[in-house]
Amino acid sequence: MNNYRRSDYKEKTVGQRIVELSREKAVTYYRIADRADIPMSTIMNLISGRIQNPTLGTLQGICRGLEVSLMDFFAEM
């Protein structure tokens, strides 16, 4: 039986995951935006929390920029 409550752990935001993966893969935000074909401001707005619910297309682009699958992107959130 799972004794963990939802409040026992904090889920990561999309922005936090971008930061984490970009560090792991040594990829700059500029490179992610370029590979994703999205504005750099979108990346920065996700990281800062100004955008909290990106579109699927944006997420797919970010995953392309980070060279990870959507499943891997969300695996540790």
PDB file of N, CA and C in Angstrom:
ATOM      1  N   MET A   1       0.841  -1.176   0.000  1.00  0.00           N
ATOM      2  CA  MET A   1       0.000   0.000   0.000  1.00  0.00           C
ATOM      3  C   MET A   1       0.886   1.240   0.000  1.00  0.00           C
ATOM      4  N   ASN A   2       0.503   2.230  -0.745  1.00  0.00           N
ATOM      5  CA  ASN A   2       1.254   3.477  -0.828  1.00  0.00           C
ATOM      6  C   ASN A   2       0.837   4.406   0.310  1.00  0.00           C
ATOM      7  N   ASN A   3       1.775   4.737   1.181  1.00  0.00           N
ATOM      8  CA  ASN A   3       1.479   5.594   2.322  1.00  0.00           C
ATOM      9  C   ASN A   3       1.826   7.051   2.073  1.00  0.00           C
ATOM     10  N   TYR A   4       2.205   7.383   0.854  1.00  0.00           N
ATOM     11  CA  TYR A   4       2.569   8.756   0.535  1.00  0.00           C
ATOM     12  C   TYR A   4       1.330   9.568   0.195  1.00  0.00           C
ATOM     13  N   ARG A   5       1.292  10.750   0.723  1.00  0.00           N
ATOM     14  CA  ARG A   5       0.237  11.692   0.360  1.00  0.00           C
ATOM     15  C   ARG A   5       0.801  12.619  -0.695  1.00  0.00           C
ATOM     16  N   ARG A   6      -0.081  13.177  -1.499  1.00  0.00           N
ATOM     17  CA  ARG A   6       0.343  14.100  -2.543  1.00  0.00           C
ATOM     18  C   ARG A   6       1.148  15.250  -1.950  1.00  0.00           C
ATOM     19  N   SER A   7       0.840  15.678  -0.760  1.00  0.00           N
ATOM     20  CA  SER A   7       1.540  16.804  -0.138  1.00  0.00           C
ATOM     21  C   SER A   7       2.917  16.418   0.391  1.00  0.00           C
ATOM     22  N   ASP A   8       3.266  15.136   0.356  1.00  0.00           N
ATOM     23  CA  ASP A   8       4.562  14.684   0.862  1.00  0.00           C
ATOM     24  C   ASP A   8       5.713  14.991  -0.093  1.00  0.00           C
ATOM     25  N   TYR A   9       5.417  15.307  -1.315  1.00  0.00           N
ATOM     26  CA  TYR A   9       6.463  15.626  -2.278  1.00  0.00           C
ATOM     27  C   TYR A   9       5.993  16.738  -3.190  1.00  0.00           C
ATOM     28  N   LYS A  10       6.940  17.456  -3.736  1.00  0.00           N
ATOM     29  CA  LYS A  10       6.615  18.588  -4.604  1.00  0.00           C
ATOM     30  C   LYS A  10       6.892  18.202  -6.047  1.00  0.00           C
ATOM     31  N   GLU A  11       5.916  18.423  -6.890  1.00  0.00           N
ATOM     32  CA  GLU A  11       6.100  18.144  -8.308  1.00  0.00           C
ATOM     33  C   GLU A  11       6.895  19.276  -8.948  1.00  0.00           C
ATOM     34  N   LYS A  12       7.666  18.936  -9.954  1.00  0.00           N
ATOM     35  CA  LYS A  12       8.452  19.935 -10.677  1.00  0.00           C
ATOM     36  C   LYS A  12       7.578  20.624 -11.710  1.00  0.00           C
ATOM     37  N   THR A  13       7.928  21.861 -12.017  1.00  0.00           N
ATOM     38  CA  THR A  13       7.263  22.565 -13.108  1.00  0.00           C
ATOM     39  C   THR A  13       7.980  22.229 -14.407  1.00  0.00           C
ATOM     40  N   VAL A  14       7.347  22.564 -15.508  1.00  0.00           N
ATOM     41  CA  VAL A  14       7.975  22.378 -16.821  1.00  0.00           C
ATOM     42  C   VAL A  14       9.278  23.174 -16.870  1.00  0.00           C
ATOM     43  N   GLY A  15       9.247  24.400 -16.356  1.00  0.00           N
ATOM     44  CA  GLY A  15      10.446  25.235 -16.339  1.00  0.00           C
ATOM     45  C   GLY A  15      11.585  24.622 -15.540  1.00  0.00           C
ATOM     46  N   GLN A  16      11.251  24.060 -14.397  1.00  0.00           N
ATOM     47  CA  GLN A  16      12.289  23.420 -13.575  1.00  0.00           C
ATOM     48  C   GLN A  16      12.886  22.214 -14.295  1.00  0.00           C
ATOM     49  N   ARG A  17      12.047  21.496 -15.022  1.00  0.00           N
ATOM     50  CA  ARG A  17      12.531  20.329 -15.766  1.00  0.00           C
ATOM     51  C   ARG A  17      13.433  20.752 -16.924  1.00  0.00           C
ATOM     52  N   ILE A  18      13.085  21.867 -17.567  1.00  0.00           N
ATOM     53  CA  ILE A  18      13.953  22.388 -18.638  1.00  0.00           C
ATOM     54  C   ILE A  18      15.323  22.724 -18.070  1.00  0.00           C
ATOM     55  N   VAL A  19      15.350  23.404 -16.947  1.00  0.00           N
ATOM     56  CA  VAL A  19      16.624  23.776 -16.310  1.00  0.00           C
ATOM     57  C   VAL A  19      17.419  22.517 -15.972  1.00  0.00           C
ATOM     58  N   GLU A  20      16.763  21.565 -15.356  1.00  0.00           N
ATOM     59  CA  GLU A  20      17.418  20.329 -14.946  1.00  0.00           C
ATOM     60  C   GLU A  20      18.014  19.580 -16.144  1.00  0.00           C
ATOM     61  N   LEU A  21      17.222  19.385 -17.181  1.00  0.00           N
ATOM     62  CA  LEU A  21      17.703  18.641 -18.336  1.00  0.00           C
ATOM     63  C   LEU A  21      18.756  19.405 -19.124  1.00  0.00           C
ATOM     64  N   SER A  22      18.616  20.722 -19.193  1.00  0.00           N
ATOM     65  CA  SER A  22      19.627  21.498 -19.928  1.00  0.00           C
ATOM     66  C   SER A  22      20.978  21.406 -19.232  1.00  0.00           C
ATOM     67  N   ARG A  23      20.969  21.368 -17.913  1.00  0.00           N
ATOM     68  CA  ARG A  23      22.232  21.197 -17.169  1.00  0.00           C
ATOM     69  C   ARG A  23      22.806  19.800 -17.381  1.00  0.00           C
ATOM     70  N   GLU A  24      21.948  18.789 -17.271  1.00  0.00           N
ATOM     71  CA  GLU A  24      22.403  17.404 -17.458  1.00  0.00           C
ATOM     72  C   GLU A  24      23.030  17.199 -18.834  1.00  0.00           C
ATOM     73  N   LYS A  25      22.426  17.806 -19.838  1.00  0.00           N
ATOM     74  CA  LYS A  25      22.866  17.598 -21.217  1.00  0.00           C
ATOM     75  C   LYS A  25      23.803  18.689 -21.718  1.00  0.00           C
ATOM     76  N   ALA A  26      24.099  19.664 -20.865  1.00  0.00           N
ATOM     77  CA  ALA A  26      24.985  20.780 -21.215  1.00  0.00           C
ATOM     78  C   ALA A  26      24.520  21.477 -22.501  1.00  0.00           C
ATOM     79  N   VAL A  27      23.228  21.791 -22.531  1.00  0.00           N
ATOM     80  CA  VAL A  27      22.624  22.475 -23.676  1.00  0.00           C
ATOM     81  C   VAL A  27      22.142  23.842 -23.197  1.00  0.00           C
ATOM     82  N   THR A  28      22.476  24.876 -23.928  1.00  0.00           N
ATOM     83  CA  THR A  28      22.048  26.225 -23.542  1.00  0.00           C
ATOM     84  C   THR A  28      20.571  26.432 -23.892  1.00  0.00           C
ATOM     85  N   TYR A  29      19.958  27.390 -23.222  1.00  0.00           N
ATOM     86  CA  TYR A  29      18.567  27.736 -23.515  1.00  0.00           C
ATOM     87  C   TYR A  29      18.440  28.230 -24.956  1.00  0.00           C
ATOM     88  N   TYR A  30      19.440  28.962 -25.413  1.00  0.00           N
ATOM     89  CA  TYR A  30      19.435  29.441 -26.791  1.00  0.00           C
ATOM     90  C   TYR A  30      19.404  28.260 -27.760  1.00  0.00           C
ATOM     91  N   ARG A  31      20.204  27.251 -27.500  1.00  0.00           N
ATOM     92  CA  ARG A  31      20.259  26.066 -28.370  1.00  0.00           C
ATOM     93  C   ARG A  31      18.919  25.320 -28.345  1.00  0.00           C
ATOM     94  N   ILE A  32      18.309  25.215 -27.171  1.00  0.00           N
ATOM     95  CA  ILE A  32      17.002  24.555 -27.073  1.00  0.00           C
ATOM     96  C   ILE A  32      15.986  25.302 -27.931  1.00  0.00           C
ATOM     97  N   ALA A  33      15.939  26.627 -27.771  1.00  0.00           N
ATOM     98  CA  ALA A  33      14.990  27.445 -28.530  1.00  0.00           C
ATOM     99  C   ALA A  33      15.240  27.318 -30.023  1.00  0.00           C
ATOM    100  N   ASP A  34      16.491  27.320 -30.422  1.00  0.00           N
ATOM    101  CA  ASP A  34      16.845  27.207 -31.833  1.00  0.00           C
ATOM    102  C   ASP A  34      16.411  25.858 -32.397  1.00  0.00           C
ATOM    103  N   ARG A  35      16.731  24.785 -31.711  1.00  0.00           N
ATOM    104  CA  ARG A  35      16.355  23.443 -32.173  1.00  0.00           C
ATOM    105  C   ARG A  35      14.841  23.259 -32.173  1.00  0.00           C
ATOM    106  N   ALA A  36      14.178  23.889 -31.198  1.00  0.00           N
ATOM    107  CA  ALA A  36      12.730  23.757 -31.051  1.00  0.00           C
ATOM    108  C   ALA A  36      11.971  24.657 -32.007  1.00  0.00           C
ATOM    109  N   ASP A  37      12.686  25.618 -32.597  1.00  0.00           N
ATOM    110  CA  ASP A  37      12.077  26.608 -33.480  1.00  0.00           C
ATOM    111  C   ASP A  37      10.985  27.400 -32.751  1.00  0.00           C
ATOM    112  N   ILE A  38      11.315  27.797 -31.516  1.00  0.00           N
ATOM    113  CA  ILE A  38      10.423  28.646 -30.728  1.00  0.00           C
ATOM    114  C   ILE A  38      11.235  29.839 -30.214  1.00  0.00           C
ATOM    115  N   PRO A  39      10.562  30.929 -29.886  1.00  0.00           N
ATOM    116  CA  PRO A  39      11.290  32.103 -29.398  1.00  0.00           C
ATOM    117  C   PRO A  39      12.003  31.832 -28.066  1.00  0.00           C
ATOM    118  N   MET A  40      13.163  32.445 -27.918  1.00  0.00           N
ATOM    119  CA  MET A  40      13.912  32.344 -26.662  1.00  0.00           C
ATOM    120  C   MET A  40      13.047  32.832 -25.500  1.00  0.00           C
ATOM    121  N   SER A  41      12.214  33.833 -25.762  1.00  0.00           N
ATOM    122  CA  SER A  41      11.353  34.368 -24.702  1.00  0.00           C
ATOM    123  C   SER A  41      10.396  33.307 -24.167  1.00  0.00           C
ATOM    124  N   THR A  42       9.982  32.381 -25.004  1.00  0.00           N
ATOM    125  CA  THR A  42       9.104  31.297 -24.543  1.00  0.00           C
ATOM    126  C   THR A  42       9.833  30.415 -23.539  1.00  0.00           C
ATOM    127  N   ILE A  43      11.070  30.077 -23.840  1.00  0.00           N
ATOM    128  CA  ILE A  43      11.884  29.280 -22.903  1.00  0.00           C
ATOM    129  C   ILE A  43      12.028  30.026 -21.576  1.00  0.00           C
ATOM    130  N   MET A  44      12.373  31.300 -21.656  1.00  0.00           N
ATOM    131  CA  MET A  44      12.585  32.079 -20.436  1.00  0.00           C
ATOM    132  C   MET A  44      11.288  32.245 -19.649  1.00  0.00           C
ATOM    133  N   ASN A  45      10.163  32.399 -20.342  1.00  0.00           N
ATOM    134  CA  ASN A  45       8.875  32.522 -19.659  1.00  0.00           C
ATOM    135  C   ASN A  45       8.459  31.216 -18.998  1.00  0.00           C
ATOM    136  N   LEU A  46       8.808  30.097 -19.576  1.00  0.00           N
ATOM    137  CA  LEU A  46       8.555  28.811 -18.936  1.00  0.00           C
ATOM    138  C   LEU A  46       9.408  28.645 -17.680  1.00  0.00           C
ATOM    139  N   ILE A  47      10.681  28.995 -17.800  1.00  0.00           N
ATOM    140  CA  ILE A  47      11.591  28.856 -16.671  1.00  0.00           C
ATOM    141  C   ILE A  47      11.176  29.765 -15.517  1.00  0.00           C
ATOM    142  N   SER A  48      10.749  30.989 -15.838  1.00  0.00           N
ATOM    143  CA  SER A  48      10.362  31.936 -14.789  1.00  0.00           C
ATOM    144  C   SER A  48       8.972  31.664 -14.226  1.00  0.00           C
ATOM    145  N   GLY A  49       8.204  30.818 -14.907  1.00  0.00           N
ATOM    146  CA  GLY A  49       6.857  30.512 -14.432  1.00  0.00           C
ATOM    147  C   GLY A  49       5.770  31.395 -15.018  1.00  0.00           C
ATOM    148  N   ARG A  50       6.141  32.337 -15.882  1.00  0.00           N
ATOM    149  CA  ARG A  50       5.125  33.188 -16.524  1.00  0.00           C
ATOM    150  C   ARG A  50       4.215  32.378 -17.436  1.00  0.00           C
ATOM    151  N   ILE A  51       4.768  31.341 -18.067  1.00  0.00           N
ATOM    152  CA  ILE A  51       3.959  30.384 -18.827  1.00  0.00           C
ATOM    153  C   ILE A  51       3.946  29.100 -18.018  1.00  0.00           C
ATOM    154  N   GLN A  52       2.758  28.661 -17.640  1.00  0.00           N
ATOM    155  CA  GLN A  52       2.657  27.455 -16.823  1.00  0.00           C
ATOM    156  C   GLN A  52       2.054  26.270 -17.566  1.00  0.00           C
ATOM    157  N   ASN A  53       1.360  26.544 -18.654  1.00  0.00           N
ATOM    158  CA  ASN A  53       0.704  25.476 -19.407  1.00  0.00           C
ATOM    159  C   ASN A  53       1.050  25.590 -20.892  1.00  0.00           C
ATOM    160  N   PRO A  54       2.243  25.165 -21.268  1.00  0.00           N
ATOM    161  CA  PRO A  54       2.644  25.263 -22.679  1.00  0.00           C
ATOM    162  C   PRO A  54       1.824  24.316 -23.552  1.00  0.00           C
ATOM    163  N   THR A  55       1.749  24.653 -24.816  1.00  0.00           N
ATOM    164  CA  THR A  55       1.037  23.788 -25.757  1.00  0.00           C
ATOM    165  C   THR A  55       1.838  22.513 -26.010  1.00  0.00           C
ATOM    166  N   LEU A  56       1.150  21.531 -26.548  1.00  0.00           N
ATOM    167  CA  LEU A  56       1.826  20.281 -26.891  1.00  0.00           C
ATOM    168  C   LEU A  56       2.922  20.529 -27.912  1.00  0.00           C
ATOM    169  N   GLY A  57       2.662  21.399 -28.883  1.00  0.00           N
ATOM    170  CA  GLY A  57       3.674  21.723 -29.889  1.00  0.00           C
ATOM    171  C   GLY A  57       4.923  22.331 -29.275  1.00  0.00           C
ATOM    172  N   THR A  58       4.733  23.211 -28.304  1.00  0.00           N
ATOM    173  CA  THR A  58       5.875  23.815 -27.605  1.00  0.00           C
ATOM    174  C   THR A  58       6.652  22.753 -26.844  1.00  0.00           C
ATOM    175  N   LEU A  59       5.936  21.881 -26.152  1.00  0.00           N
ATOM    176  CA  LEU A  59       6.606  20.805 -25.403  1.00  0.00           C
ATOM    177  C   LEU A  59       7.369  19.865 -26.329  1.00  0.00           C
ATOM    178  N   GLN A  60       6.768  19.548 -27.463  1.00  0.00           N
ATOM    179  CA  GLN A  60       7.457  18.678 -28.424  1.00  0.00           C
ATOM    180  C   GLN A  60       8.729  19.352 -28.943  1.00  0.00           C
ATOM    181  N   GLY A  61       8.655  20.644 -29.201  1.00  0.00           N
ATOM    182  CA  GLY A  61       9.835  21.369 -29.648  1.00  0.00           C
ATOM    183  C   GLY A  61      10.927  21.393 -28.594  1.00  0.00           C
ATOM    184  N   ILE A  62      10.535  21.627 -27.363  1.00  0.00           N
ATOM    185  CA  ILE A  62      11.513  21.645 -26.268  1.00  0.00           C
ATOM    186  C   ILE A  62      12.173  20.283 -26.130  1.00  0.00           C
ATOM    187  N   CYS A  63      11.381  19.240 -26.236  1.00  0.00           N
ATOM    188  CA  CYS A  63      11.961  17.890 -26.160  1.00  0.00           C
ATOM    189  C   CYS A  63      12.921  17.648 -27.320  1.00  0.00           C
ATOM    190  N   ARG A  64      12.576  18.137 -28.487  1.00  0.00           N
ATOM    191  CA  ARG A  64      13.483  18.038 -29.642  1.00  0.00           C
ATOM    192  C   ARG A  64      14.783  18.790 -29.340  1.00  0.00           C
ATOM    193  N   GLY A  65      14.645  19.973 -28.757  1.00  0.00           N
ATOM    194  CA  GLY A  65      15.820  20.776 -28.408  1.00  0.00           C
ATOM    195  C   GLY A  65      16.699  20.130 -27.358  1.00  0.00           C
ATOM    196  N   LEU A  66      16.076  19.389 -26.464  1.00  0.00           N
ATOM    197  CA  LEU A  66      16.822  18.706 -25.405  1.00  0.00           C
ATOM    198  C   LEU A  66      17.231  17.288 -25.803  1.00  0.00           C
ATOM    199  N   GLU A  67      16.728  16.846 -26.958  1.00  0.00           N
ATOM    200  CA  GLU A  67      16.984  15.489 -27.439  1.00  0.00           C
ATOM    201  C   GLU A  67      16.517  14.434 -26.437  1.00  0.00           C
ATOM    202  N   VAL A  68      15.273  14.617 -25.982  1.00  0.00           N
ATOM    203  CA  VAL A  68      14.625  13.637 -25.105  1.00  0.00           C
ATOM    204  C   VAL A  68      13.210  13.404 -25.630  1.00  0.00           C
ATOM    205  N   SER A  69      12.649  12.290 -25.264  1.00  0.00           N
ATOM    206  CA  SER A  69      11.249  12.020 -25.641  1.00  0.00           C
ATOM    207  C   SER A  69      10.327  12.740 -24.645  1.00  0.00           C
ATOM    208  N   LEU A  70       9.074  12.917 -25.031  1.00  0.00           N
ATOM    209  CA  LEU A  70       8.096  13.491 -24.106  1.00  0.00           C
ATOM    210  C   LEU A  70       7.997  12.631 -22.848  1.00  0.00           C
ATOM    211  N   MET A  71       8.036  11.326 -23.035  1.00  0.00           N
ATOM    212  CA  MET A  71       7.946  10.419 -21.895  1.00  0.00           C
ATOM    213  C   MET A  71       9.121  10.632 -20.937  1.00  0.00           C
ATOM    214  N   ASP A  72      10.321  10.777 -21.473  1.00  0.00           N
ATOM    215  CA  ASP A  72      11.489  11.025 -20.625  1.00  0.00           C
ATOM    216  C   ASP A  72      11.407  12.389 -19.963  1.00  0.00           C
ATOM    217  N   PHE A  73      10.891  13.387 -20.688  1.00  0.00           N
ATOM    218  CA  PHE A  73      10.765  14.720 -20.125  1.00  0.00           C
ATOM    219  C   PHE A  73       9.894  14.695 -18.874  1.00  0.00           C
ATOM    220  N   PHE A  74       8.778  13.981 -18.945  1.00  0.00           N
ATOM    221  CA  PHE A  74       7.837  13.954 -17.822  1.00  0.00           C
ATOM    222  C   PHE A  74       8.096  12.832 -16.821  1.00  0.00           C
ATOM    223  N   ALA A  75       9.054  11.971 -17.098  1.00  0.00           N
ATOM    224  CA  ALA A  75       9.309  10.816 -16.237  1.00  0.00           C
ATOM    225  C   ALA A  75       9.639  11.182 -14.801  1.00  0.00           C
ATOM    226  N   GLU A  76      10.336  12.268 -14.585  1.00  0.00           N
ATOM    227  CA  GLU A  76      10.767  12.622 -13.228  1.00  0.00           C
ATOM    228  C   GLU A  76      10.085  13.883 -12.718  1.00  0.00           C
ATOM    229  N   MET A  77       8.877  14.092 -13.154  1.00  0.00           N
ATOM    230  CA  MET A  77       8.132  15.255 -12.682  1.00  0.00           C
ATOM    231  C   MET A  77       7.156  14.764 -11.646  1.00  0.00           C
TER     232      MET A  77
END
